[in-house]
Amino acid sequence: MTSKLHVAFLMSVMFSSLATAQTDEQLETAREKLFAQLRQRLEGTRWRIAWGAARKEPNDVLLISVDPTRYSVIPNGFRAFVRLDFFLPQTSPAGTNYDETIYYEDLNCRDYRFRLMQLVHYDSQSGNNVYTVSPEKPKWETALPETQNEVVLESVCESLEGLRQTHPKRKGPS
């Protein structure tokens, strides 16, 4: 098991390598190391990686995963649990830091729409739920072009459509 001190050291080495990366190739290599660390969080879990993305900052990367054991087919899409893992801590509206988010939502893949049922931000180190949103009356929203919502919708729909093709007996919610 890796100690927290060892992880902190590895993170500082990765951050310094990103800060000194001179070429696109060096930056890409450094980002791959960050992705590898995020993928380790998912080892031994049921989450299936749907997408990995670099965000605005050089050391800010994101993995999008879906739970392939708990989804259902709905008209034009899926109802699913979606997980986002961030390398850098994010700040919730309540001012608490988190690095993992789990959504329970409906995804209308055809019309680029989603309906959030529940969202929970977690601190992966402590395992604590730091912020929760559960709309009383969930409503459909459009995933705007070139936003995180669009990336999540496209990657999860593609991943689940692939699963549905290999498991065609999957039914909708009861």
C-alpha atoms as a PDB file:
ATOM      1  CA  MET A   1       0.000   0.000   0.000  1.00  0.00           C
ATOM      2  CA  THR A   2       1.329   3.451  -0.899  1.00  0.00           C
ATOM      3  CA  SER A   3       1.715   5.907   1.958  1.00  0.00           C
ATOM      4  CA  LYS A   4       0.157   9.386   1.753  1.00  0.00           C
ATOM      5  CA  LEU A   5       3.653  10.881   1.966  1.00  0.00           C
ATOM      6  CA  HIS A   6       4.752   8.790  -1.027  1.00  0.00           C
ATOM      7  CA  VAL A   7       1.657   9.853  -3.000  1.00  0.00           C
ATOM      8  CA  ALA A   8       2.313  13.510  -2.120  1.00  0.00           C
ATOM      9  CA  PHE A   9       5.898  13.136  -3.340  1.00  0.00           C
ATOM     10  CA  LEU A  10       4.771  11.507  -6.610  1.00  0.00           C
ATOM     11  CA  MET A  11       2.208  14.271  -7.146  1.00  0.00           C
ATOM     12  CA  SER A  12       4.845  16.986  -6.584  1.00  0.00           C
ATOM     13  CA  VAL A  13       7.150  15.276  -9.106  1.00  0.00           C
ATOM     14  CA  MET A  14       4.297  15.074 -11.652  1.00  0.00           C
ATOM     15  CA  PHE A  15       3.311  18.715 -11.085  1.00  0.00           C
ATOM     16  CA  SER A  16       6.909  19.852 -11.514  1.00  0.00           C
ATOM     17  CA  SER A  17       7.249  17.804 -14.704  1.00  0.00           C
ATOM     18  CA  LEU A  18       4.085  19.451 -16.058  1.00  0.00           C
ATOM     19  CA  ALA A  19       5.299  22.903 -15.090  1.00  0.00           C
ATOM     20  CA  THR A  20       8.577  22.364 -16.956  1.00  0.00           C
ATOM     21  CA  ALA A  21       7.140  20.556 -19.983  1.00  0.00           C
ATOM     22  CA  GLN A  22       8.424  22.434 -23.034  1.00  0.00           C
ATOM     23  CA  THR A  23       6.749  20.601 -25.880  1.00  0.00           C
ATOM     24  CA  ASP A  24       3.310  19.253 -26.607  1.00  0.00           C
ATOM     25  CA  GLU A  25       4.811  15.760 -26.515  1.00  0.00           C
ATOM     26  CA  GLN A  26       6.250  16.310 -23.036  1.00  0.00           C
ATOM     27  CA  LEU A  27       2.948  17.750 -21.835  1.00  0.00           C
ATOM     28  CA  GLU A  28       1.068  14.755 -23.247  1.00  0.00           C
ATOM     29  CA  THR A  29       3.470  12.335 -21.534  1.00  0.00           C
ATOM     30  CA  ALA A  30       3.014  14.140 -18.216  1.00  0.00           C
ATOM     31  CA  ARG A  31      -0.790  14.086 -18.616  1.00  0.00           C
ATOM     32  CA  GLU A  32      -0.703  10.352 -19.317  1.00  0.00           C
ATOM     33  CA  LYS A  33       0.988   9.869 -15.938  1.00  0.00           C
ATOM     34  CA  LEU A  34      -1.851  11.801 -14.296  1.00  0.00           C
ATOM     35  CA  PHE A  35      -4.449   9.691 -16.143  1.00  0.00           C
ATOM     36  CA  ALA A  36      -2.690   6.546 -14.943  1.00  0.00           C
ATOM     37  CA  GLN A  37      -3.001   7.724 -11.348  1.00  0.00           C
ATOM     38  CA  LEU A  38      -6.732   8.405 -11.798  1.00  0.00           C
ATOM     39  CA  ARG A  39      -7.229   4.997 -13.436  1.00  0.00           C
ATOM     40  CA  GLN A  40      -5.692   3.390 -10.345  1.00  0.00           C
ATOM     41  CA  ARG A  41      -8.607   4.759  -8.293  1.00  0.00           C
ATOM     42  CA  LEU A  42     -10.940   2.631 -10.402  1.00  0.00           C
ATOM     43  CA  GLU A  43      -8.956  -0.609 -10.258  1.00  0.00           C
ATOM     44  CA  GLY A  44     -10.967  -3.368  -8.616  1.00  0.00           C
ATOM     45  CA  THR A  45     -14.216  -1.391  -8.870  1.00  0.00           C
ATOM     46  CA  ARG A  46     -17.128  -1.948 -11.223  1.00  0.00           C
ATOM     47  CA  TRP A  47     -16.688   1.461 -12.944  1.00  0.00           C
ATOM     48  CA  ARG A  48     -15.874   1.396 -16.664  1.00  0.00           C
ATOM     49  CA  ILE A  49     -13.902   4.324 -18.074  1.00  0.00           C
ATOM     50  CA  ALA A  50     -15.806   6.072 -20.852  1.00  0.00           C
ATOM     51  CA  TRP A  51     -13.500   9.064 -21.457  1.00  0.00           C
ATOM     52  CA  GLY A  52     -10.394  10.848 -20.249  1.00  0.00           C
ATOM     53  CA  ALA A  53      -9.984  14.560 -20.834  1.00  0.00           C
ATOM     54  CA  ALA A  54      -7.434  17.258 -20.163  1.00  0.00           C
ATOM     55  CA  ARG A  55      -8.990  20.464 -18.927  1.00  0.00           C
ATOM     56  CA  LYS A  56      -7.781  24.102 -19.023  1.00  0.00           C
ATOM     57  CA  GLU A  57      -4.845  23.791 -16.633  1.00  0.00           C
ATOM     58  CA  PRO A  58      -1.974  21.509 -17.733  1.00  0.00           C
ATOM     59  CA  ASN A  59      -2.261  19.356 -14.597  1.00  0.00           C
ATOM     60  CA  ASP A  60      -6.064  19.264 -14.474  1.00  0.00           C
ATOM     61  CA  VAL A  61      -7.316  16.014 -15.957  1.00  0.00           C
ATOM     62  CA  LEU A  62     -10.653  14.243 -15.682  1.00  0.00           C
ATOM     63  CA  LEU A  63     -11.865  10.673 -16.101  1.00  0.00           C
ATOM     64  CA  ILE A  64     -15.503   9.929 -16.904  1.00  0.00           C
ATOM     65  CA  SER A  65     -16.769   6.461 -15.947  1.00  0.00           C
ATOM     66  CA  VAL A  66     -20.060   4.618 -16.021  1.00  0.00           C
ATOM     67  CA  ASP A  67     -21.365   1.777 -13.879  1.00  0.00           C
ATOM     68  CA  PRO A  68     -22.057  -0.990 -16.432  1.00  0.00           C
ATOM     69  CA  THR A  69     -23.968  -3.053 -13.852  1.00  0.00           C
ATOM     70  CA  ARG A  70     -26.559  -0.390 -13.002  1.00  0.00           C
ATOM     71  CA  TYR A  71     -28.003   1.258 -16.069  1.00  0.00           C
ATOM     72  CA  SER A  72     -31.254   0.909 -17.927  1.00  0.00           C
ATOM     73  CA  VAL A  73     -32.493   1.751 -21.394  1.00  0.00           C
ATOM     74  CA  ILE A  74     -35.041   4.580 -21.623  1.00  0.00           C
ATOM     75  CA  PRO A  75     -36.577   6.177 -24.729  1.00  0.00           C
ATOM     76  CA  ASN A  76     -33.732   7.731 -26.771  1.00  0.00           C
ATOM     77  CA  GLY A  77     -31.065   6.928 -24.194  1.00  0.00           C
ATOM     78  CA  PHE A  78     -30.164   5.604 -20.770  1.00  0.00           C
ATOM     79  CA  ARG A  79     -30.670   6.032 -17.036  1.00  0.00           C
ATOM     80  CA  ALA A  80     -27.253   5.567 -15.451  1.00  0.00           C
ATOM     81  CA  PHE A  81     -24.748   6.234 -12.703  1.00  0.00           C
ATOM     82  CA  VAL A  82     -21.904   8.368 -14.023  1.00  0.00           C
ATOM     83  CA  ARG A  83     -18.677   9.114 -12.143  1.00  0.00           C
ATOM     84  CA  LEU A  84     -16.188  11.933 -12.669  1.00  0.00           C
ATOM     85  CA  ASP A  85     -12.719  11.678 -11.122  1.00  0.00           C
ATOM     86  CA  PHE A  86     -10.636  14.867 -11.020  1.00  0.00           C
ATOM     87  CA  PHE A  87      -6.881  14.969 -10.469  1.00  0.00           C
ATOM     88  CA  LEU A  88      -7.020  18.465  -8.963  1.00  0.00           C
ATOM     89  CA  PRO A  89      -9.461  19.160  -6.121  1.00  0.00           C
ATOM     90  CA  GLN A  90     -12.608  20.998  -7.166  1.00  0.00           C
ATOM     91  CA  THR A  91     -14.625  23.334  -4.922  1.00  0.00           C
ATOM     92  CA  SER A  92     -18.334  22.702  -4.314  1.00  0.00           C
ATOM     93  CA  PRO A  93     -20.916  25.505  -3.994  1.00  0.00           C
ATOM     94  CA  ALA A  94     -20.686  24.893  -0.224  1.00  0.00           C
ATOM     95  CA  GLY A  95     -16.948  25.691  -0.334  1.00  0.00           C
ATOM     96  CA  THR A  96     -15.748  22.140   0.360  1.00  0.00           C
ATOM     97  CA  ASN A  97     -13.150  20.381  -1.779  1.00  0.00           C
ATOM     98  CA  TYR A  98     -13.876  17.183  -3.674  1.00  0.00           C
ATOM     99  CA  ASP A  99     -12.176  15.107  -6.349  1.00  0.00           C
ATOM    100  CA  GLU A 100     -14.942  12.664  -7.278  1.00  0.00           C
ATOM    101  CA  THR A 101     -18.551  13.193  -8.358  1.00  0.00           C
ATOM    102  CA  ILE A 102     -21.262  10.607  -8.937  1.00  0.00           C
ATOM    103  CA  TYR A 103     -24.344  11.517 -10.961  1.00  0.00           C
ATOM    104  CA  TYR A 104     -27.558   9.531 -11.236  1.00  0.00           C
ATOM    105  CA  GLU A 105     -29.201  10.823 -14.378  1.00  0.00           C
ATOM    106  CA  ASP A 106     -31.235  10.242 -17.476  1.00  0.00           C
ATOM    107  CA  LEU A 107     -29.372  10.769 -20.736  1.00  0.00           C
ATOM    108  CA  ASN A 108     -31.273  11.462 -23.948  1.00  0.00           C
ATOM    109  CA  CYS A 109     -28.529  10.596 -26.403  1.00  0.00           C
ATOM    110  CA  ARG A 110     -30.500  11.507 -29.530  1.00  0.00           C
ATOM    111  CA  ASP A 111     -31.465  15.045 -28.458  1.00  0.00           C
ATOM    112  CA  TYR A 112     -28.370  15.895 -26.341  1.00  0.00           C
ATOM    113  CA  ARG A 113     -30.385  16.314 -23.165  1.00  0.00           C
ATOM    114  CA  PHE A 114     -29.931  15.122 -19.603  1.00  0.00           C
ATOM    115  CA  ARG A 115     -32.042  15.061 -16.443  1.00  0.00           C
ATOM    116  CA  LEU A 116     -30.200  15.029 -13.129  1.00  0.00           C
ATOM    117  CA  MET A 117     -31.751  12.857 -10.427  1.00  0.00           C
ATOM    118  CA  GLN A 118     -28.942  13.155  -7.892  1.00  0.00           C
ATOM    119  CA  LEU A 119     -25.379  14.445  -7.722  1.00  0.00           C
ATOM    120  CA  VAL A 120     -22.920  13.714  -4.916  1.00  0.00           C
ATOM    121  CA  HIS A 121     -19.407  15.180  -4.537  1.00  0.00           C
ATOM    122  CA  TYR A 122     -16.897  13.056  -2.596  1.00  0.00           C
ATOM    123  CA  ASP A 123     -13.439  13.508  -1.146  1.00  0.00           C
ATOM    124  CA  SER A 124     -11.744  10.284  -2.322  1.00  0.00           C
ATOM    125  CA  GLN A 125      -9.120  10.397   0.442  1.00  0.00           C
ATOM    126  CA  SER A 126     -11.655  10.373   3.281  1.00  0.00           C
ATOM    127  CA  GLY A 127     -14.553   8.820   1.365  1.00  0.00           C
ATOM    128  CA  ASN A 128     -16.791  11.560   2.736  1.00  0.00           C
ATOM    129  CA  ASN A 129     -19.787  12.954   0.895  1.00  0.00           C
ATOM    130  CA  VAL A 130     -19.066  16.703   0.893  1.00  0.00           C
ATOM    131  CA  TYR A 131     -22.039  18.024  -1.115  1.00  0.00           C
ATOM    132  CA  THR A 132     -25.304  16.569  -2.500  1.00  0.00           C
ATOM    133  CA  VAL A 133     -27.934  17.849  -4.937  1.00  0.00           C
ATOM    134  CA  SER A 134     -31.266  16.033  -5.341  1.00  0.00           C
ATOM    135  CA  PRO A 135     -33.746  18.090  -7.376  1.00  0.00           C
ATOM    136  CA  GLU A 136     -37.338  17.703  -6.183  1.00  0.00           C
ATOM    137  CA  LYS A 137     -38.669  17.828  -9.740  1.00  0.00           C
ATOM    138  CA  PRO A 138     -35.848  16.887 -12.113  1.00  0.00           C
ATOM    139  CA  LYS A 139     -36.145  18.632 -15.475  1.00  0.00           C
ATOM    140  CA  TRP A 140     -34.527  18.031 -18.828  1.00  0.00           C
ATOM    141  CA  GLU A 141     -31.630  20.300 -19.747  1.00  0.00           C
ATOM    142  CA  THR A 142     -29.710  20.623 -22.987  1.00  0.00           C
ATOM    143  CA  ALA A 143     -26.013  19.767 -23.055  1.00  0.00           C
ATOM    144  CA  LEU A 144     -24.503  22.904 -24.569  1.00  0.00           C
ATOM    145  CA  PRO A 145     -21.803  22.531 -27.232  1.00  0.00           C
ATOM    146  CA  GLU A 146     -18.191  22.326 -26.055  1.00  0.00           C
ATOM    147  CA  THR A 147     -19.067  21.955 -22.366  1.00  0.00           C
ATOM    148  CA  GLN A 148     -18.326  19.290 -19.798  1.00  0.00           C
ATOM    149  CA  ASN A 149     -22.004  18.240 -19.992  1.00  0.00           C
ATOM    150  CA  GLU A 150     -21.652  17.550 -23.719  1.00  0.00           C
ATOM    151  CA  VAL A 151     -18.470  15.502 -23.187  1.00  0.00           C
ATOM    152  CA  VAL A 152     -20.122  13.491 -20.398  1.00  0.00           C
ATOM    153  CA  LEU A 153     -23.274  12.864 -22.435  1.00  0.00           C
ATOM    154  CA  GLU A 154     -21.417  11.812 -25.587  1.00  0.00           C
ATOM    155  CA  SER A 155     -18.895   9.570 -23.854  1.00  0.00           C
ATOM    156  CA  VAL A 156     -21.431   7.850 -21.597  1.00  0.00           C
ATOM    157  CA  CYS A 157     -23.958   7.359 -24.397  1.00  0.00           C
ATOM    158  CA  GLU A 158     -21.272   5.837 -26.620  1.00  0.00           C
ATOM    159  CA  SER A 159     -20.039   3.567 -23.830  1.00  0.00           C
ATOM    160  CA  LEU A 160     -23.526   2.398 -22.845  1.00  0.00           C
ATOM    161  CA  GLU A 161     -24.607   1.934 -26.457  1.00  0.00           C
ATOM    162  CA  GLY A 162     -21.628  -0.420 -26.855  1.00  0.00           C
ATOM    163  CA  LEU A 163     -22.733  -2.328 -23.746  1.00  0.00           C
ATOM    164  CA  ARG A 164     -26.322  -2.469 -24.972  1.00  0.00           C
ATOM    165  CA  GLN A 165     -25.163  -3.967 -28.267  1.00  0.00           C
ATOM    166  CA  THR A 166     -23.376  -6.760 -26.408  1.00  0.00           C
ATOM    167  CA  HIS A 167     -26.218  -7.253 -23.866  1.00  0.00           C
ATOM    168  CA  PRO A 168     -29.410  -6.736 -25.950  1.00  0.00           C
ATOM    169  CA  LYS A 169     -31.787  -8.162 -23.335  1.00  0.00           C
ATOM    170  CA  ARG A 170     -31.297  -5.132 -21.065  1.00  0.00           C
ATOM    171  CA  LYS A 171     -34.718  -3.619 -20.283  1.00  0.00           C
ATOM    172  CA  GLY A 172     -35.843  -0.158 -19.232  1.00  0.00           C
ATOM    173  CA  PRO A 173     -36.685   0.884 -15.679  1.00  0.00           C
ATOM    174  CA  SER A 174     -39.604  -0.945 -14.125  1.00  0.00           C
END
